Amino acid sequence: MESINMARIIFFGLCLVSGIVFLIFILRQEDKGLDYNKIIRELNKNKEKDLKKLNIKNKEINNIEEKILKCKKELGMRLFDEK
């Protein structure tokens, strides 16, 4: 009697595991995955925006540095520190 109950438990366990495996394969087929081309296009677009922003900020920094150099020159200070 115990062997029949044990066989039923094992059979139920195998059915449960095979059902889970079956569901996983069904769900994987419906998954389309990542669209790498779309991701690359978005990254390139963001890169272009970032480069434009960086260029603008570099121009601002250059203008500020020019003003600092003019002020140092007017005050008679060294323009560049010697190391």
PDB file of N, CA and C in Angstrom:
ATOM      1  N   MET A   1       0.818  -1.196   0.000  1.00  0.00           N
ATOM      2  CA  MET A   1       0.000   0.000   0.000  1.00  0.00           C
ATOM      3  C   MET A   1       0.862   1.260   0.000  1.00  0.00           C
ATOM      4  N   GLU A   2       1.922   1.196   0.809  1.00  0.00           N
ATOM      5  CA  GLU A   2       2.796   2.365   0.880  1.00  0.00           C
ATOM      6  C   GLU A   2       3.520   2.586  -0.442  1.00  0.00           C
ATOM      7  N   SER A   3       3.848   1.517  -1.133  1.00  0.00           N
ATOM      8  CA  SER A   3       4.549   1.660  -2.402  1.00  0.00           C
ATOM      9  C   SER A   3       3.638   2.313  -3.458  1.00  0.00           C
ATOM     10  N   ILE A   4       2.342   2.039  -3.402  1.00  0.00           N
ATOM     11  CA  ILE A   4       1.396   2.647  -4.338  1.00  0.00           C
ATOM     12  C   ILE A   4       1.280   4.149  -4.055  1.00  0.00           C
ATOM     13  N   ASN A   5       1.204   4.510  -2.774  1.00  0.00           N
ATOM     14  CA  ASN A   5       1.134   5.925  -2.411  1.00  0.00           C
ATOM     15  C   ASN A   5       2.422   6.660  -2.810  1.00  0.00           C
ATOM     16  N   MET A   6       3.563   6.013  -2.612  1.00  0.00           N
ATOM     17  CA  MET A   6       4.845   6.610  -2.983  1.00  0.00           C
ATOM     18  C   MET A   6       4.909   6.795  -4.492  1.00  0.00           C
ATOM     19  N   ALA A   7       4.417   5.810  -5.262  1.00  0.00           N
ATOM     20  CA  ALA A   7       4.404   5.906  -6.721  1.00  0.00           C
ATOM     21  C   ALA A   7       3.494   7.049  -7.157  1.00  0.00           C
ATOM     22  N   ARG A   8       2.358   7.234  -6.482  1.00  0.00           N
ATOM     23  CA  ARG A   8       1.450   8.341  -6.812  1.00  0.00           C
ATOM     24  C   ARG A   8       2.117   9.690  -6.538  1.00  0.00           C
ATOM     25  N   ILE A   9       2.827   9.791  -5.424  1.00  0.00           N
ATOM     26  CA  ILE A   9       3.511  11.048  -5.079  1.00  0.00           C
ATOM     27  C   ILE A   9       4.602  11.354  -6.105  1.00  0.00           C
ATOM     28  N   ILE A  10       5.358  10.325  -6.475  1.00  0.00           N
ATOM     29  CA  ILE A  10       6.407  10.519  -7.485  1.00  0.00           C
ATOM     30  C   ILE A  10       5.791  10.901  -8.821  1.00  0.00           C
ATOM     31  N   PHE A  11       4.728  10.235  -9.211  1.00  0.00           N
ATOM     32  CA  PHE A  11       4.049  10.558 -10.471  1.00  0.00           C
ATOM     33  C   PHE A  11       3.507  11.985 -10.454  1.00  0.00           C
ATOM     34  N   PHE A  12       2.902  12.397  -9.340  1.00  0.00           N
ATOM     35  CA  PHE A  12       2.391  13.764  -9.207  1.00  0.00           C
ATOM     36  C   PHE A  12       3.531  14.783  -9.290  1.00  0.00           C
ATOM     37  N   GLY A  13       4.645  14.476  -8.674  1.00  0.00           N
ATOM     38  CA  GLY A  13       5.816  15.364  -8.727  1.00  0.00           C
ATOM     39  C   GLY A  13       6.347  15.500 -10.135  1.00  0.00           C
ATOM     40  N   LEU A  14       6.432  14.381 -10.861  1.00  0.00           N
ATOM     41  CA  LEU A  14       6.903  14.433 -12.249  1.00  0.00           C
ATOM     42  C   LEU A  14       5.939  15.214 -13.134  1.00  0.00           C
ATOM     43  N   CYS A  15       4.631  15.037 -12.910  1.00  0.00           N
ATOM     44  CA  CYS A  15       3.638  15.804 -13.678  1.00  0.00           C
ATOM     45  C   CYS A  15       3.778  17.298 -13.388  1.00  0.00           C
ATOM     46  N   LEU A  16       3.994  17.648 -12.136  1.00  0.00           N
ATOM     47  CA  LEU A  16       4.142  19.043 -11.742  1.00  0.00           C
ATOM     48  C   LEU A  16       5.385  19.661 -12.380  1.00  0.00           C
ATOM     49  N   VAL A  17       6.507  18.959 -12.342  1.00  0.00           N
ATOM     50  CA  VAL A  17       7.755  19.465 -12.929  1.00  0.00           C
ATOM     51  C   VAL A  17       7.618  19.599 -14.443  1.00  0.00           C
ATOM     52  N   SER A  18       7.032  18.591 -15.098  1.00  0.00           N
ATOM     53  CA  SER A  18       6.873  18.669 -16.553  1.00  0.00           C
ATOM     54  C   SER A  18       5.904  19.787 -16.935  1.00  0.00           C
ATOM     55  N   GLY A  19       4.885  20.035 -16.128  1.00  0.00           N
ATOM     56  CA  GLY A  19       3.965  21.147 -16.401  1.00  0.00           C
ATOM     57  C   GLY A  19       4.668  22.490 -16.292  1.00  0.00           C
ATOM     58  N   ILE A  20       5.524  22.649 -15.294  1.00  0.00           N
ATOM     59  CA  ILE A  20       6.278  23.895 -15.145  1.00  0.00           C
ATOM     60  C   ILE A  20       7.222  24.091 -16.325  1.00  0.00           C
ATOM     61  N   VAL A  21       7.907  23.026 -16.732  1.00  0.00           N
ATOM     62  CA  VAL A  21       8.806  23.106 -17.888  1.00  0.00           C
ATOM     63  C   VAL A  21       8.026  23.476 -19.143  1.00  0.00           C
ATOM     64  N   PHE A  22       6.874  22.871 -19.327  1.00  0.00           N
ATOM     65  CA  PHE A  22       6.030  23.176 -20.483  1.00  0.00           C
ATOM     66  C   PHE A  22       5.618  24.652 -20.484  1.00  0.00           C
ATOM     67  N   LEU A  23       5.201  25.175 -19.337  1.00  0.00           N
ATOM     68  CA  LEU A  23       4.820  26.587 -19.248  1.00  0.00           C
ATOM     69  C   LEU A  23       5.995  27.514 -19.547  1.00  0.00           C
ATOM     70  N   ILE A  24       7.163  27.162 -19.076  1.00  0.00           N
ATOM     71  CA  ILE A  24       8.345  27.995 -19.341  1.00  0.00           C
ATOM     72  C   ILE A  24       8.631  28.054 -20.837  1.00  0.00           C
ATOM     73  N   PHE A  25       8.576  26.931 -21.527  1.00  0.00           N
ATOM     74  CA  PHE A  25       8.827  26.935 -22.964  1.00  0.00           C
ATOM     75  C   PHE A  25       7.758  27.706 -23.727  1.00  0.00           C
ATOM     76  N   ILE A  26       6.505  27.617 -23.312  1.00  0.00           N
ATOM     77  CA  ILE A  26       5.426  28.365 -23.960  1.00  0.00           C
ATOM     78  C   ILE A  26       5.663  29.861 -23.783  1.00  0.00           C
ATOM     79  N   LEU A  27       6.009  30.285 -22.580  1.00  0.00           N
ATOM     80  CA  LEU A  27       6.221  31.704 -22.310  1.00  0.00           C
ATOM     81  C   LEU A  27       7.459  32.232 -23.021  1.00  0.00           C
ATOM     82  N   ARG A  28       8.483  31.418 -23.172  1.00  0.00           N
ATOM     83  CA  ARG A  28       9.698  31.865 -23.859  1.00  0.00           C
ATOM     84  C   ARG A  28       9.436  32.098 -25.337  1.00  0.00           C
ATOM     85  N   GLN A  29       8.551  31.334 -25.944  1.00  0.00           N
ATOM     86  CA  GLN A  29       8.265  31.512 -27.362  1.00  0.00           C
ATOM     87  C   GLN A  29       7.539  32.821 -27.614  1.00  0.00           C
ATOM     88  N   GLU A  30       6.730  33.273 -26.667  1.00  0.00           N
ATOM     89  CA  GLU A  30       5.997  34.523 -26.836  1.00  0.00           C
ATOM     90  C   GLU A  30       6.875  35.739 -26.560  1.00  0.00           C
ATOM     91  N   ASP A  31       7.970  35.566 -25.846  1.00  0.00           N
ATOM     92  CA  ASP A  31       8.869  36.659 -25.530  1.00  0.00           C
ATOM     93  C   ASP A  31       9.681  37.017 -26.771  1.00  0.00           C
ATOM     94  N   LYS A  32       9.600  38.274 -27.185  1.00  0.00           N
ATOM     95  CA  LYS A  32      10.311  38.712 -28.380  1.00  0.00           C
ATOM     96  C   LYS A  32      11.740  39.141 -28.076  1.00  0.00           C
ATOM     97  N   GLY A  33      12.073  39.315 -26.823  1.00  0.00           N
ATOM     98  CA  GLY A  33      13.436  39.681 -26.452  1.00  0.00           C
ATOM     99  C   GLY A  33      13.661  41.175 -26.584  1.00  0.00           C
ATOM    100  N   LEU A  34      14.905  41.550 -26.536  1.00  0.00           N
ATOM    101  CA  LEU A  34      15.273  42.956 -26.621  1.00  0.00           C
ATOM    102  C   LEU A  34      15.469  43.372 -28.070  1.00  0.00           C
ATOM    103  N   ASP A  35      15.067  44.596 -28.369  1.00  0.00           N
ATOM    104  CA  ASP A  35      15.297  45.153 -29.697  1.00  0.00           C
ATOM    105  C   ASP A  35      16.602  45.949 -29.642  1.00  0.00           C
ATOM    106  N   TYR A  36      17.691  45.267 -29.999  1.00  0.00           N
ATOM    107  CA  TYR A  36      19.012  45.881 -29.880  1.00  0.00           C
ATOM    108  C   TYR A  36      19.179  47.067 -30.815  1.00  0.00           C
ATOM    109  N   ASN A  37      18.582  47.014 -31.990  1.00  0.00           N
ATOM    110  CA  ASN A  37      18.697  48.137 -32.925  1.00  0.00           C
ATOM    111  C   ASN A  37      18.062  49.390 -32.345  1.00  0.00           C
ATOM    112  N   LYS A  38      16.923  49.236 -31.698  1.00  0.00           N
ATOM    113  CA  LYS A  38      16.251  50.379 -31.081  1.00  0.00           C
ATOM    114  C   LYS A  38      17.107  50.961 -29.953  1.00  0.00           C
ATOM    115  N   ILE A  39      17.686  50.092 -29.153  1.00  0.00           N
ATOM    116  CA  ILE A  39      18.538  50.550 -28.052  1.00  0.00           C
ATOM    117  C   ILE A  39      19.748  51.300 -28.588  1.00  0.00           C
ATOM    118  N   ILE A  40      20.369  50.785 -29.639  1.00  0.00           N
ATOM    119  CA  ILE A  40      21.542  51.436 -30.229  1.00  0.00           C
ATOM    120  C   ILE A  40      21.163  52.793 -30.809  1.00  0.00           C
ATOM    121  N   ARG A  41      20.003  52.882 -31.477  1.00  0.00           N
ATOM    122  CA  ARG A  41      19.565  54.173 -32.026  1.00  0.00           C
ATOM    123  C   ARG A  41      19.354  55.195 -30.907  1.00  0.00           C
ATOM    124  N   GLU A  42      18.727  54.772 -29.814  1.00  0.00           N
ATOM    125  CA  GLU A  42      18.495  55.688 -28.698  1.00  0.00           C
ATOM    126  C   GLU A  42      19.811  56.130 -28.072  1.00  0.00           C
ATOM    127  N   LEU A  43      20.755  55.211 -27.936  1.00  0.00           N
ATOM    128  CA  LEU A  43      22.057  55.570 -27.374  1.00  0.00           C
ATOM    129  C   LEU A  43      22.801  56.550 -28.273  1.00  0.00           C
ATOM    130  N   ASN A  44      22.727  56.347 -29.586  1.00  0.00           N
ATOM    131  CA  ASN A  44      23.382  57.275 -30.511  1.00  0.00           C
ATOM    132  C   ASN A  44      22.729  58.655 -30.454  1.00  0.00           C
ATOM    133  N   LYS A  45      21.402  58.686 -30.347  1.00  0.00           N
ATOM    134  CA  LYS A  45      20.699  59.955 -30.249  1.00  0.00           C
ATOM    135  C   LYS A  45      21.104  60.679 -28.961  1.00  0.00           C
ATOM    136  N   ASN A  46      21.161  59.950 -27.867  1.00  0.00           N
ATOM    137  CA  ASN A  46      21.572  60.547 -26.596  1.00  0.00           C
ATOM    138  C   ASN A  46      23.024  61.000 -26.652  1.00  0.00           C
ATOM    139  N   LYS A  47      23.868  60.254 -27.354  1.00  0.00           N
ATOM    140  CA  LYS A  47      25.275  60.634 -27.479  1.00  0.00           C
ATOM    141  C   LYS A  47      25.406  61.962 -28.221  1.00  0.00           C
ATOM    142  N   GLU A  48      24.631  62.135 -29.292  1.00  0.00           N
ATOM    143  CA  GLU A  48      24.671  63.384 -30.048  1.00  0.00           C
ATOM    144  C   GLU A  48      24.216  64.562 -29.184  1.00  0.00           C
ATOM    145  N   LYS A  49      23.149  64.364 -28.413  1.00  0.00           N
ATOM    146  CA  LYS A  49      22.672  65.424 -27.523  1.00  0.00           C
ATOM    147  C   LYS A  49      23.729  65.768 -26.483  1.00  0.00           C
ATOM    148  N   ASP A  50      24.342  64.749 -25.918  1.00  0.00           N
ATOM    149  CA  ASP A  50      25.360  64.968 -24.887  1.00  0.00           C
ATOM    150  C   ASP A  50      26.582  65.682 -25.458  1.00  0.00           C
ATOM    151  N   LEU A  51      26.982  65.324 -26.681  1.00  0.00           N
ATOM    152  CA  LEU A  51      28.123  65.986 -27.300  1.00  0.00           C
ATOM    153  C   LEU A  51      27.826  67.455 -27.583  1.00  0.00           C
ATOM    154  N   LYS A  52      26.606  67.764 -28.014  1.00  0.00           N
ATOM    155  CA  LYS A  52      26.224  69.165 -28.238  1.00  0.00           C
ATOM    156  C   LYS A  52      26.267  69.943 -26.931  1.00  0.00           C
ATOM    157  N   LYS A  53      25.712  69.343 -25.878  1.00  0.00           N
ATOM    158  CA  LYS A  53      25.704  69.996 -24.564  1.00  0.00           C
ATOM    159  C   LYS A  53      27.130  70.200 -24.063  1.00  0.00           C
ATOM    160  N   LEU A  54      27.985  69.206 -24.248  1.00  0.00           N
ATOM    161  CA  LEU A  54      29.372  69.290 -23.819  1.00  0.00           C
ATOM    162  C   LEU A  54      30.113  70.386 -24.581  1.00  0.00           C
ATOM    163  N   ASN A  55      29.848  70.503 -25.861  1.00  0.00           N
ATOM    164  CA  ASN A  55      30.481  71.535 -26.682  1.00  0.00           C
ATOM    165  C   ASN A  55      30.077  72.927 -26.198  1.00  0.00           C
ATOM    166  N   ILE A  56      28.810  73.114 -25.898  1.00  0.00           N
ATOM    167  CA  ILE A  56      28.318  74.409 -25.407  1.00  0.00           C
ATOM    168  C   ILE A  56      28.967  74.746 -24.077  1.00  0.00           C
ATOM    169  N   LYS A  57      29.020  73.787 -23.170  1.00  0.00           N
ATOM    170  CA  LYS A  57      29.613  74.028 -21.850  1.00  0.00           C
ATOM    171  C   LYS A  57      31.114  74.283 -21.956  1.00  0.00           C
ATOM    172  N   ASN A  58      31.815  73.627 -22.884  1.00  0.00           N
ATOM    173  CA  ASN A  58      33.239  73.886 -23.080  1.00  0.00           C
ATOM    174  C   ASN A  58      33.475  75.303 -23.567  1.00  0.00           C
ATOM    175  N   LYS A  59      32.600  75.801 -24.436  1.00  0.00           N
ATOM    176  CA  LYS A  59      32.718  77.187 -24.901  1.00  0.00           C
ATOM    177  C   LYS A  59      32.531  78.160 -23.741  1.00  0.00           C
ATOM    178  N   GLU A  60      31.578  77.874 -22.861  1.00  0.00           N
ATOM    179  CA  GLU A  60      31.369  78.719 -21.689  1.00  0.00           C
ATOM    180  C   GLU A  60      32.608  78.719 -20.790  1.00  0.00           C
ATOM    181  N   ILE A  61      33.202  77.552 -20.590  1.00  0.00           N
ATOM    182  CA  ILE A  61      34.409  77.453 -19.765  1.00  0.00           C
ATOM    183  C   ILE A  61      35.549  78.241 -20.399  1.00  0.00           C
ATOM    184  N   ASN A  62      35.698  78.145 -21.706  1.00  0.00           N
ATOM    185  CA  ASN A  62      36.753  78.895 -22.391  1.00  0.00           C
ATOM    186  C   ASN A  62      36.553  80.396 -22.229  1.00  0.00           C
ATOM    187  N   ASN A  63      35.314  80.870 -22.324  1.00  0.00           N
ATOM    188  CA  ASN A  63      35.042  82.302 -22.130  1.00  0.00           C
ATOM    189  C   ASN A  63      35.396  82.739 -20.715  1.00  0.00           C
ATOM    190  N   ILE A  64      35.052  81.939 -19.735  1.00  0.00           N
ATOM    191  CA  ILE A  64      35.363  82.267 -18.338  1.00  0.00           C
ATOM    192  C   ILE A  64      36.876  82.288 -18.131  1.00  0.00           C
ATOM    193  N   GLU A  65      37.587  81.327 -18.707  1.00  0.00           N
ATOM    194  CA  GLU A  65      39.043  81.299 -18.582  1.00  0.00           C
ATOM    195  C   GLU A  65      39.675  82.525 -19.226  1.00  0.00           C
ATOM    196  N   GLU A  66      39.153  82.961 -20.366  1.00  0.00           N
ATOM    197  CA  GLU A  66      39.671  84.169 -21.007  1.00  0.00           C
ATOM    198  C   GLU A  66      39.481  85.387 -20.109  1.00  0.00           C
ATOM    199  N   LYS A  67      38.314  85.503 -19.474  1.00  0.00           N
ATOM    200  CA  LYS A  67      38.060  86.612 -18.565  1.00  0.00           C
ATOM    201  C   LYS A  67      39.012  86.584 -17.369  1.00  0.00           C
ATOM    202  N   ILE A  68      39.267  85.382 -16.851  1.00  0.00           N
ATOM    203  CA  ILE A  68      40.192  85.244 -15.725  1.00  0.00           C
ATOM    204  C   ILE A  68      41.591  85.676 -16.137  1.00  0.00           C
ATOM    205  N   LEU A  69      42.034  85.254 -17.306  1.00  0.00           N
ATOM    206  CA  LEU A  69      43.365  85.630 -17.777  1.00  0.00           C
ATOM    207  C   LEU A  69      43.483  87.142 -17.980  1.00  0.00           C
ATOM    208  N   LYS A  70      42.427  87.781 -18.489  1.00  0.00           N
ATOM    209  CA  LYS A  70      42.444  89.238 -18.665  1.00  0.00           C
ATOM    210  C   LYS A  70      42.549  89.934 -17.312  1.00  0.00           C
ATOM    211  N   CYS A  71      41.787  89.462 -16.345  1.00  0.00           N
ATOM    212  CA  CYS A  71      41.817  90.071 -15.011  1.00  0.00           C
ATOM    213  C   CYS A  71      43.183  89.870 -14.359  1.00  0.00           C
ATOM    214  N   LYS A  72      43.774  88.707 -14.492  1.00  0.00           N
ATOM    215  CA  LYS A  72      45.100  88.459 -13.936  1.00  0.00           C
ATOM    216  C   LYS A  72      46.132  89.371 -14.582  1.00  0.00           C
ATOM    217  N   LYS A  73      46.010  89.569 -15.873  1.00  0.00           N
ATOM    218  CA  LYS A  73      46.948  90.423 -16.595  1.00  0.00           C
ATOM    219  C   LYS A  73      46.826  91.865 -16.117  1.00  0.00           C
ATOM    220  N   GLU A  74      45.590  92.341 -15.935  1.00  0.00           N
ATOM    221  CA  GLU A  74      45.363  93.705 -15.451  1.00  0.00           C
ATOM    222  C   GLU A  74      45.901  93.886 -14.036  1.00  0.00           C
ATOM    223  N   LEU A  75      45.812  92.857 -13.203  1.00  0.00           N
ATOM    224  CA  LEU A  75      46.283  92.941 -11.823  1.00  0.00           C
ATOM    225  C   LEU A  75      47.785  92.688 -11.697  1.00  0.00           C
ATOM    226  N   GLY A  76      48.411  92.288 -12.788  1.00  0.00           N
ATOM    227  CA  GLY A  76      49.849  92.050 -12.767  1.00  0.00           C
ATOM    228  C   GLY A  76      50.232  90.726 -12.148  1.00  0.00           C
ATOM    229  N   MET A  77      49.324  89.810 -12.079  1.00  0.00           N
ATOM    230  CA  MET A  77      49.602  88.484 -11.520  1.00  0.00           C
ATOM    231  C   MET A  77      50.183  87.575 -12.597  1.00  0.00           C
ATOM    232  N   ARG A  78      50.813  86.505 -12.173  1.00  0.00           N
ATOM    233  CA  ARG A  78      51.285  85.528 -13.142  1.00  0.00           C
ATOM    234  C   ARG A  78      50.076  84.904 -13.823  1.00  0.00           C
ATOM    235  N   LEU A  79      50.207  84.702 -15.117  1.00  0.00           N
ATOM    236  CA  LEU A  79      49.082  84.113 -15.843  1.00  0.00           C
ATOM    237  C   LEU A  79      48.953  82.619 -15.556  1.00  0.00           C
ATOM    238  N   PHE A  80      50.092  81.943 -15.462  1.00  0.00           N
ATOM    239  CA  PHE A  80      50.065  80.508 -15.201  1.00  0.00           C
ATOM    240  C   PHE A  80      51.020  80.218 -14.054  1.00  0.00           C
ATOM    241  N   ASP A  81      50.603  79.328 -13.184  1.00  0.00           N
ATOM    242  CA  ASP A  81      51.447  78.932 -12.065  1.00  0.00           C
ATOM    243  C   ASP A  81      52.507  77.955 -12.545  1.00  0.00           C
ATOM    244  N   GLU A  82      53.719  78.172 -12.052  1.00  0.00           N
ATOM    245  CA  GLU A  82      54.809  77.242 -12.406  1.00  0.00           C
ATOM    246  C   GLU A  82      54.818  76.099 -11.414  1.00  0.00           C
ATOM    247  N   LYS A  83      55.018  74.929 -11.909  1.00  0.00           N
ATOM    248  CA  LYS A  83      55.026  73.762 -11.019  1.00  0.00           C
ATOM    249  C   LYS A  83      56.409  73.219 -10.901  1.00  0.00           C
TER     250      LYS A  83
END
